[in-house]
Amino acid sequence: MDKYFDSSYLWGAFPVLLPFLKVTFLFVGCSVVIGFSIGLALAIMKLSEKSLLRKLANGYTTVLRCTPSIVLLFLVYYGIPAIGKLLGLNLNEIPIIVFVVTAFSLQFGAIISEVIRSAYLSVNKEQYEAGVSVGMSPFQVYRRIIVPQAIVIALPNLGNSLISLLQEGALAYTIGFIDIVGKAELIIASNYNTHALEVFIALAIIYWVLSIMIEQLFLLLERYFSKGKQRLKTS
């Protein structure tokens, strides 16, 4: 009878799983870039003086934030080809990564829009008036005063959102996406569903390390961007 837990399967899983990190990094990176662009546009709409733009942006954010990641993933995976079929287009041959990036970009954009909006509103607006009064252009005020402070405020939430995206992205294997989690499922299947515990422990360790690295990176960035603010307080 096989041992219930065999450490050789645990250590043997790492060299098989780690090469698939590049696939995970690819879809997370694409989702961050596209999602941040969506979030920035939504934040601008939320801060707009036009009521219609604010309502559209807030409505989008509410719907996306209230939709579970796995539900959104399946809506995109089955919905896009269905819409294409109505338009006479065959979208069934689209690579799975396109659906994954689309789903998580839409959700990440909704989250980031609130991060950007709240960070911007946290900066004292009297500083804008003071900058303009001493001869700075609006662009200079935003670049030198508003944006640097907003970045410091937004960084903790940006880091948490990135970690959340990385972890929620593990659900992509449910539509057949082969990243690090998808590969773990293949390993377990090849072992006839035995020694799954060892493989998932290896997977958990990889995610722990990645999450801690992201957390530490954003702490370093927060300290770096806070230097000017600290000097201002001590002067």
C-alpha atoms as a PDB file:
ATOM      1  CA  MET A   1       0.000   0.000   0.000  1.00  0.00           C
ATOM      2  CA  ASP A   2       1.334   3.434  -0.940  1.00  0.00           C
ATOM      3  CA  LYS A   3       2.123   5.889   1.781  1.00  0.00           C
ATOM      4  CA  TYR A   4      -0.574   8.506   2.265  1.00  0.00           C
ATOM      5  CA  PHE A   5       2.053  11.250   2.308  1.00  0.00           C
ATOM      6  CA  ASP A   6       5.291  10.906   0.353  1.00  0.00           C
ATOM      7  CA  SER A   7       7.688  13.861   0.543  1.00  0.00           C
ATOM      8  CA  SER A   8       9.365  12.802  -2.694  1.00  0.00           C
ATOM      9  CA  TYR A   9       6.192  13.832  -4.557  1.00  0.00           C
ATOM     10  CA  LEU A  10       6.307  17.201  -2.768  1.00  0.00           C
ATOM     11  CA  TRP A  11       9.886  18.001  -3.756  1.00  0.00           C
ATOM     12  CA  GLY A  12       9.435  16.461  -7.192  1.00  0.00           C
ATOM     13  CA  ALA A  13       6.522  18.793  -7.923  1.00  0.00           C
ATOM     14  CA  PHE A  14       8.588  22.006  -7.761  1.00  0.00           C
ATOM     15  CA  PRO A  15      10.752  21.470 -10.900  1.00  0.00           C
ATOM     16  CA  VAL A  16       7.625  20.498 -12.851  1.00  0.00           C
ATOM     17  CA  LEU A  17       5.475  23.409 -11.642  1.00  0.00           C
ATOM     18  CA  LEU A  18       7.955  26.295 -11.677  1.00  0.00           C
ATOM     19  CA  PRO A  19       8.410  26.488 -15.501  1.00  0.00           C
ATOM     20  CA  PHE A  20       4.688  27.232 -15.775  1.00  0.00           C
ATOM     21  CA  LEU A  21       5.087  30.342 -13.633  1.00  0.00           C
ATOM     22  CA  LYS A  22       5.919  32.236 -16.827  1.00  0.00           C
ATOM     23  CA  VAL A  23       2.379  31.538 -18.068  1.00  0.00           C
ATOM     24  CA  THR A  24       0.949  32.797 -14.768  1.00  0.00           C
ATOM     25  CA  PHE A  25       3.147  35.899 -14.909  1.00  0.00           C
ATOM     26  CA  LEU A  26       2.092  36.521 -18.525  1.00  0.00           C
ATOM     27  CA  PHE A  27      -1.628  36.612 -17.854  1.00  0.00           C
ATOM     28  CA  VAL A  28      -1.223  38.517 -14.572  1.00  0.00           C
ATOM     29  CA  GLY A  29       1.020  41.099 -16.251  1.00  0.00           C
ATOM     30  CA  CYS A  30      -1.382  41.582 -19.159  1.00  0.00           C
ATOM     31  CA  SER A  31      -4.338  41.821 -16.782  1.00  0.00           C
ATOM     32  CA  VAL A  32      -2.562  44.449 -14.676  1.00  0.00           C
ATOM     33  CA  VAL A  33      -1.663  46.637 -17.674  1.00  0.00           C
ATOM     34  CA  ILE A  34      -5.108  46.433 -19.288  1.00  0.00           C
ATOM     35  CA  GLY A  35      -6.962  46.529 -15.968  1.00  0.00           C
ATOM     36  CA  PHE A  36      -5.028  49.567 -14.763  1.00  0.00           C
ATOM     37  CA  SER A  37      -5.903  51.399 -18.004  1.00  0.00           C
ATOM     38  CA  ILE A  38      -9.574  50.530 -17.489  1.00  0.00           C
ATOM     39  CA  GLY A  39      -9.373  51.566 -13.832  1.00  0.00           C
ATOM     40  CA  LEU A  40      -7.772  54.906 -14.657  1.00  0.00           C
ATOM     41  CA  ALA A  41     -10.474  55.669 -17.226  1.00  0.00           C
ATOM     42  CA  LEU A  42     -13.185  54.692 -14.751  1.00  0.00           C
ATOM     43  CA  ALA A  43     -11.611  56.824 -11.995  1.00  0.00           C
ATOM     44  CA  ILE A  44     -11.574  59.845 -14.308  1.00  0.00           C
ATOM     45  CA  MET A  45     -15.245  59.217 -15.088  1.00  0.00           C
ATOM     46  CA  LYS A  46     -16.074  58.947 -11.377  1.00  0.00           C
ATOM     47  CA  LEU A  47     -14.357  62.253 -10.698  1.00  0.00           C
ATOM     48  CA  SER A  48     -16.042  63.925 -13.653  1.00  0.00           C
ATOM     49  CA  GLU A  49     -18.570  66.699 -13.180  1.00  0.00           C
ATOM     50  CA  LYS A  50     -20.902  64.937 -15.627  1.00  0.00           C
ATOM     51  CA  SER A  51     -23.504  62.889 -13.790  1.00  0.00           C
ATOM     52  CA  LEU A  52     -23.949  60.355 -16.604  1.00  0.00           C
ATOM     53  CA  LEU A  53     -20.247  59.460 -16.637  1.00  0.00           C
ATOM     54  CA  ARG A  54     -20.204  59.037 -12.854  1.00  0.00           C
ATOM     55  CA  LYS A  55     -23.280  56.789 -12.925  1.00  0.00           C
ATOM     56  CA  LEU A  56     -21.874  54.617 -15.713  1.00  0.00           C
ATOM     57  CA  ALA A  57     -18.522  54.198 -13.960  1.00  0.00           C
ATOM     58  CA  ASN A  58     -20.091  53.508 -10.560  1.00  0.00           C
ATOM     59  CA  GLY A  59     -22.546  51.057 -12.126  1.00  0.00           C
ATOM     60  CA  TYR A  60     -19.724  49.189 -13.861  1.00  0.00           C
ATOM     61  CA  THR A  61     -17.722  49.004 -10.633  1.00  0.00           C
ATOM     62  CA  THR A  62     -20.691  47.769  -8.613  1.00  0.00           C
ATOM     63  CA  VAL A  63     -21.576  45.023 -11.105  1.00  0.00           C
ATOM     64  CA  LEU A  64     -17.998  43.783 -11.545  1.00  0.00           C
ATOM     65  CA  ARG A  65     -17.115  43.872  -7.848  1.00  0.00           C
ATOM     66  CA  CYS A  66     -20.293  41.959  -6.987  1.00  0.00           C
ATOM     67  CA  THR A  67     -19.616  39.237  -9.553  1.00  0.00           C
ATOM     68  CA  PRO A  68     -17.516  36.297  -8.273  1.00  0.00           C
ATOM     69  CA  SER A  69     -14.328  35.785 -10.264  1.00  0.00           C
ATOM     70  CA  ILE A  70     -15.242  32.285 -11.375  1.00  0.00           C
ATOM     71  CA  VAL A  71     -18.687  33.420 -12.551  1.00  0.00           C
ATOM     72  CA  LEU A  72     -17.162  36.292 -14.536  1.00  0.00           C
ATOM     73  CA  LEU A  73     -14.605  33.911 -16.015  1.00  0.00           C
ATOM     74  CA  PHE A  74     -17.309  31.582 -17.321  1.00  0.00           C
ATOM     75  CA  LEU A  75     -19.443  34.497 -18.531  1.00  0.00           C
ATOM     76  CA  VAL A  76     -16.517  35.728 -20.629  1.00  0.00           C
ATOM     77  CA  TYR A  77     -15.496  32.243 -21.758  1.00  0.00           C
ATOM     78  CA  TYR A  78     -18.969  31.307 -22.991  1.00  0.00           C
ATOM     79  CA  GLY A  79     -20.338  34.793 -23.623  1.00  0.00           C
ATOM     80  CA  ILE A  80     -17.767  36.135 -26.089  1.00  0.00           C
ATOM     81  CA  PRO A  81     -18.131  33.188 -28.543  1.00  0.00           C
ATOM     82  CA  ALA A  82     -21.928  33.395 -28.175  1.00  0.00           C
ATOM     83  CA  ILE A  83     -21.910  37.102 -29.062  1.00  0.00           C
ATOM     84  CA  GLY A  84     -19.534  36.386 -31.936  1.00  0.00           C
ATOM     85  CA  LYS A  85     -21.904  33.722 -33.253  1.00  0.00           C
ATOM     86  CA  LEU A  86     -24.763  36.237 -33.283  1.00  0.00           C
ATOM     87  CA  LEU A  87     -22.547  38.538 -35.357  1.00  0.00           C
ATOM     88  CA  GLY A  88     -21.576  35.736 -37.708  1.00  0.00           C
ATOM     89  CA  LEU A  89     -18.067  35.365 -36.264  1.00  0.00           C
ATOM     90  CA  ASN A  90     -16.401  32.162 -35.143  1.00  0.00           C
ATOM     91  CA  LEU A  91     -14.556  33.013 -31.934  1.00  0.00           C
ATOM     92  CA  ASN A  92     -14.197  29.461 -30.641  1.00  0.00           C
ATOM     93  CA  GLU A  93     -10.584  29.264 -31.827  1.00  0.00           C
ATOM     94  CA  ILE A  94      -9.439  32.176 -29.641  1.00  0.00           C
ATOM     95  CA  PRO A  95      -6.638  31.096 -27.262  1.00  0.00           C
ATOM     96  CA  ILE A  96      -7.885  30.494 -23.732  1.00  0.00           C
ATOM     97  CA  ILE A  97      -5.461  33.079 -22.335  1.00  0.00           C
ATOM     98  CA  VAL A  98      -7.449  35.797 -24.143  1.00  0.00           C
ATOM     99  CA  PHE A  99     -10.587  34.909 -22.165  1.00  0.00           C
ATOM    100  CA  VAL A 100      -8.602  34.726 -18.924  1.00  0.00           C
ATOM    101  CA  VAL A 101      -6.949  38.124 -19.458  1.00  0.00           C
ATOM    102  CA  THR A 102     -10.268  39.683 -20.507  1.00  0.00           C
ATOM    103  CA  ALA A 103     -12.127  38.455 -17.420  1.00  0.00           C
ATOM    104  CA  PHE A 104      -9.495  39.436 -14.888  1.00  0.00           C
ATOM    105  CA  SER A 105      -8.721  42.759 -16.595  1.00  0.00           C
ATOM    106  CA  LEU A 106     -12.381  43.754 -16.330  1.00  0.00           C
ATOM    107  CA  GLN A 107     -12.485  42.851 -12.650  1.00  0.00           C
ATOM    108  CA  PHE A 108      -9.083  44.331 -11.816  1.00  0.00           C
ATOM    109  CA  GLY A 109     -10.087  47.569 -13.550  1.00  0.00           C
ATOM    110  CA  ALA A 110     -13.163  47.901 -11.346  1.00  0.00           C
ATOM    111  CA  ILE A 111     -11.078  47.433  -8.190  1.00  0.00           C
ATOM    112  CA  ILE A 112      -8.289  49.758  -9.275  1.00  0.00           C
ATOM    113  CA  SER A 113     -10.738  52.510 -10.188  1.00  0.00           C
ATOM    114  CA  GLU A 114     -11.727  52.755  -6.526  1.00  0.00           C
ATOM    115  CA  VAL A 115      -8.092  52.673  -5.423  1.00  0.00           C
ATOM    116  CA  ILE A 116      -7.204  55.565  -7.742  1.00  0.00           C
ATOM    117  CA  ARG A 117     -10.330  57.566  -6.908  1.00  0.00           C
ATOM    118  CA  SER A 118      -9.909  57.254  -3.138  1.00  0.00           C
ATOM    119  CA  ALA A 119      -6.168  58.032  -3.319  1.00  0.00           C
ATOM    120  CA  TYR A 120      -6.819  61.158  -5.374  1.00  0.00           C
ATOM    121  CA  LEU A 121      -9.555  62.389  -3.034  1.00  0.00           C
ATOM    122  CA  SER A 122      -7.280  61.832  -0.032  1.00  0.00           C
ATOM    123  CA  VAL A 123      -4.871  64.537  -1.212  1.00  0.00           C
ATOM    124  CA  ASN A 124      -5.673  67.975   0.173  1.00  0.00           C
ATOM    125  CA  LYS A 125      -7.002  70.020  -2.752  1.00  0.00           C
ATOM    126  CA  GLU A 126      -5.724  73.259  -1.215  1.00  0.00           C
ATOM    127  CA  GLN A 127      -2.292  72.163  -2.433  1.00  0.00           C
ATOM    128  CA  TYR A 128      -3.523  72.445  -6.008  1.00  0.00           C
ATOM    129  CA  GLU A 129      -4.636  76.014  -5.433  1.00  0.00           C
ATOM    130  CA  ALA A 130      -1.352  76.840  -3.715  1.00  0.00           C
ATOM    131  CA  GLY A 131       0.667  75.417  -6.607  1.00  0.00           C
ATOM    132  CA  VAL A 132      -1.287  77.345  -9.215  1.00  0.00           C
ATOM    133  CA  SER A 133      -1.018  80.541  -7.154  1.00  0.00           C
ATOM    134  CA  VAL A 134       2.812  80.416  -7.271  1.00  0.00           C
ATOM    135  CA  GLY A 135       2.841  80.143 -11.044  1.00  0.00           C
ATOM    136  CA  MET A 136       2.811  76.386 -11.654  1.00  0.00           C
ATOM    137  CA  SER A 137       0.697  75.039 -14.492  1.00  0.00           C
ATOM    138  CA  PRO A 138      -2.075  72.524 -13.661  1.00  0.00           C
ATOM    139  CA  PHE A 139       0.014  69.773 -15.259  1.00  0.00           C
ATOM    140  CA  GLN A 140       3.017  70.648 -13.088  1.00  0.00           C
ATOM    141  CA  VAL A 141       0.875  70.685  -9.949  1.00  0.00           C
ATOM    142  CA  TYR A 142      -0.464  67.211 -10.692  1.00  0.00           C
ATOM    143  CA  ARG A 143       2.945  65.816 -11.685  1.00  0.00           C
ATOM    144  CA  ARG A 144       4.946  67.286  -8.796  1.00  0.00           C
ATOM    145  CA  ILE A 145       2.424  67.527  -5.959  1.00  0.00           C
ATOM    146  CA  ILE A 146      -0.833  65.624  -6.397  1.00  0.00           C
ATOM    147  CA  VAL A 147       0.282  62.419  -8.145  1.00  0.00           C
ATOM    148  CA  PRO A 148       3.321  61.658  -5.910  1.00  0.00           C
ATOM    149  CA  GLN A 149       1.165  61.892  -2.786  1.00  0.00           C
ATOM    150  CA  ALA A 150      -1.642  59.882  -4.352  1.00  0.00           C
ATOM    151  CA  ILE A 151       0.835  57.134  -5.287  1.00  0.00           C
ATOM    152  CA  VAL A 152       1.983  56.779  -1.667  1.00  0.00           C
ATOM    153  CA  ILE A 153      -1.632  56.517  -0.507  1.00  0.00           C
ATOM    154  CA  ALA A 154      -2.575  54.037  -3.260  1.00  0.00           C
ATOM    155  CA  LEU A 155       0.428  51.685  -3.009  1.00  0.00           C
ATOM    156  CA  PRO A 156      -0.810  49.458  -0.127  1.00  0.00           C
ATOM    157  CA  ASN A 157      -4.137  48.866  -1.868  1.00  0.00           C
ATOM    158  CA  LEU A 158      -2.403  48.364  -5.213  1.00  0.00           C
ATOM    159  CA  GLY A 159      -0.209  45.681  -3.656  1.00  0.00           C
ATOM    160  CA  ASN A 160      -3.199  43.942  -2.060  1.00  0.00           C
ATOM    161  CA  SER A 161      -5.079  44.091  -5.365  1.00  0.00           C
ATOM    162  CA  LEU A 162      -2.141  42.526  -7.208  1.00  0.00           C
ATOM    163  CA  ILE A 163      -1.896  39.700  -4.665  1.00  0.00           C
ATOM    164  CA  SER A 164      -5.640  39.169  -4.961  1.00  0.00           C
ATOM    165  CA  LEU A 165      -5.378  39.038  -8.754  1.00  0.00           C
ATOM    166  CA  LEU A 166      -2.589  36.467  -8.547  1.00  0.00           C
ATOM    167  CA  GLN A 167      -4.621  34.288  -6.191  1.00  0.00           C
ATOM    168  CA  GLU A 168      -7.955  34.693  -7.980  1.00  0.00           C
ATOM    169  CA  GLY A 169      -6.188  33.839 -11.234  1.00  0.00           C
ATOM    170  CA  ALA A 170      -5.752  30.313  -9.907  1.00  0.00           C
ATOM    171  CA  LEU A 171      -9.376  29.763 -10.949  1.00  0.00           C
ATOM    172  CA  ALA A 172      -8.399  29.975 -14.624  1.00  0.00           C
ATOM    173  CA  TYR A 173      -7.670  26.238 -14.701  1.00  0.00           C
ATOM    174  CA  THR A 174     -11.462  25.659 -14.562  1.00  0.00           C
ATOM    175  CA  ILE A 175     -11.727  26.602 -18.252  1.00  0.00           C
ATOM    176  CA  GLY A 176      -8.704  24.547 -19.264  1.00  0.00           C
ATOM    177  CA  PHE A 177      -6.002  27.192 -18.879  1.00  0.00           C
ATOM    178  CA  ILE A 178      -2.658  25.530 -18.214  1.00  0.00           C
ATOM    179  CA  ASP A 179      -0.648  27.762 -15.932  1.00  0.00           C
ATOM    180  CA  ILE A 180       0.957  26.669 -12.689  1.00  0.00           C
ATOM    181  CA  VAL A 181      -2.385  25.571 -11.174  1.00  0.00           C
ATOM    182  CA  GLY A 182      -3.495  23.876 -14.378  1.00  0.00           C
ATOM    183  CA  LYS A 183      -0.215  21.977 -14.461  1.00  0.00           C
ATOM    184  CA  ALA A 184      -0.738  20.897 -10.843  1.00  0.00           C
ATOM    185  CA  GLU A 185      -4.101  19.438 -11.841  1.00  0.00           C
ATOM    186  CA  LEU A 186      -2.454  17.555 -14.712  1.00  0.00           C
ATOM    187  CA  ILE A 187       0.191  16.132 -12.363  1.00  0.00           C
ATOM    188  CA  ILE A 188      -2.508  14.901  -9.982  1.00  0.00           C
ATOM    189  CA  ALA A 189      -4.495  13.383 -12.853  1.00  0.00           C
ATOM    190  CA  SER A 190      -1.396  11.595 -14.147  1.00  0.00           C
ATOM    191  CA  ASN A 191      -0.955  10.076 -10.678  1.00  0.00           C
ATOM    192  CA  TYR A 192      -4.547   8.785 -10.811  1.00  0.00           C
ATOM    193  CA  ASN A 193      -5.584  11.389  -8.231  1.00  0.00           C
ATOM    194  CA  THR A 194      -3.122  10.111  -5.662  1.00  0.00           C
ATOM    195  CA  HIS A 195      -0.631  12.274  -3.746  1.00  0.00           C
ATOM    196  CA  ALA A 196      -2.694  15.376  -4.466  1.00  0.00           C
ATOM    197  CA  LEU A 197      -1.846  16.701  -0.997  1.00  0.00           C
ATOM    198  CA  GLU A 198       1.871  16.865  -1.781  1.00  0.00           C
ATOM    199  CA  VAL A 199       1.308  18.678  -5.064  1.00  0.00           C
ATOM    200  CA  PHE A 200      -1.027  21.234  -3.503  1.00  0.00           C
ATOM    201  CA  ILE A 201       1.386  21.859  -0.638  1.00  0.00           C
ATOM    202  CA  ALA A 202       4.088  22.624  -3.226  1.00  0.00           C
ATOM    203  CA  LEU A 203       1.637  24.912  -5.019  1.00  0.00           C
ATOM    204  CA  ALA A 204       0.728  26.666  -1.775  1.00  0.00           C
ATOM    205  CA  ILE A 205       4.404  27.271  -0.963  1.00  0.00           C
ATOM    206  CA  ILE A 206       4.952  28.853  -4.381  1.00  0.00           C
ATOM    207  CA  TYR A 207       1.966  31.180  -3.878  1.00  0.00           C
ATOM    208  CA  TRP A 208       3.116  32.067  -0.352  1.00  0.00           C
ATOM    209  CA  VAL A 209       6.551  33.034  -1.630  1.00  0.00           C
ATOM    210  CA  LEU A 210       5.109  35.089  -4.503  1.00  0.00           C
ATOM    211  CA  SER A 211       2.641  36.897  -2.233  1.00  0.00           C
ATOM    212  CA  ILE A 212       5.338  37.740   0.322  1.00  0.00           C
ATOM    213  CA  MET A 213       7.649  39.012  -2.446  1.00  0.00           C
ATOM    214  CA  ILE A 214       4.908  41.270  -3.823  1.00  0.00           C
ATOM    215  CA  GLU A 215       4.113  42.539  -0.335  1.00  0.00           C
ATOM    216  CA  GLN A 216       7.767  43.350   0.375  1.00  0.00           C
ATOM    217  CA  LEU A 217       8.188  45.011  -3.031  1.00  0.00           C
ATOM    218  CA  PHE A 218       5.289  47.372  -2.376  1.00  0.00           C
ATOM    219  CA  LEU A 219       6.603  48.136   1.102  1.00  0.00           C
ATOM    220  CA  LEU A 220       9.918  49.170  -0.461  1.00  0.00           C
ATOM    221  CA  LEU A 221       8.092  51.286  -3.047  1.00  0.00           C
ATOM    222  CA  GLU A 222       6.033  52.924  -0.322  1.00  0.00           C
ATOM    223  CA  ARG A 223       9.181  53.827   1.635  1.00  0.00           C
ATOM    224  CA  TYR A 224      10.847  55.153  -1.513  1.00  0.00           C
ATOM    225  CA  PHE A 225       7.945  57.385  -2.546  1.00  0.00           C
ATOM    226  CA  SER A 226       7.446  58.536   1.061  1.00  0.00           C
ATOM    227  CA  LYS A 227      10.965  59.963   1.345  1.00  0.00           C
ATOM    228  CA  GLY A 228       9.999  63.395   0.057  1.00  0.00           C
ATOM    229  CA  LYS A 229       7.038  63.533   2.394  1.00  0.00           C
ATOM    230  CA  GLN A 230       9.198  62.563   5.382  1.00  0.00           C
ATOM    231  CA  ARG A 231      11.794  65.223   4.535  1.00  0.00           C
ATOM    232  CA  LEU A 232       9.018  67.776   4.327  1.00  0.00           C
ATOM    233  CA  LYS A 233       7.802  66.853   7.818  1.00  0.00           C
ATOM    234  CA  THR A 234      11.268  67.053   9.361  1.00  0.00           C
ATOM    235  CA  SER A 235      12.189  70.358   7.708  1.00  0.00           C
END
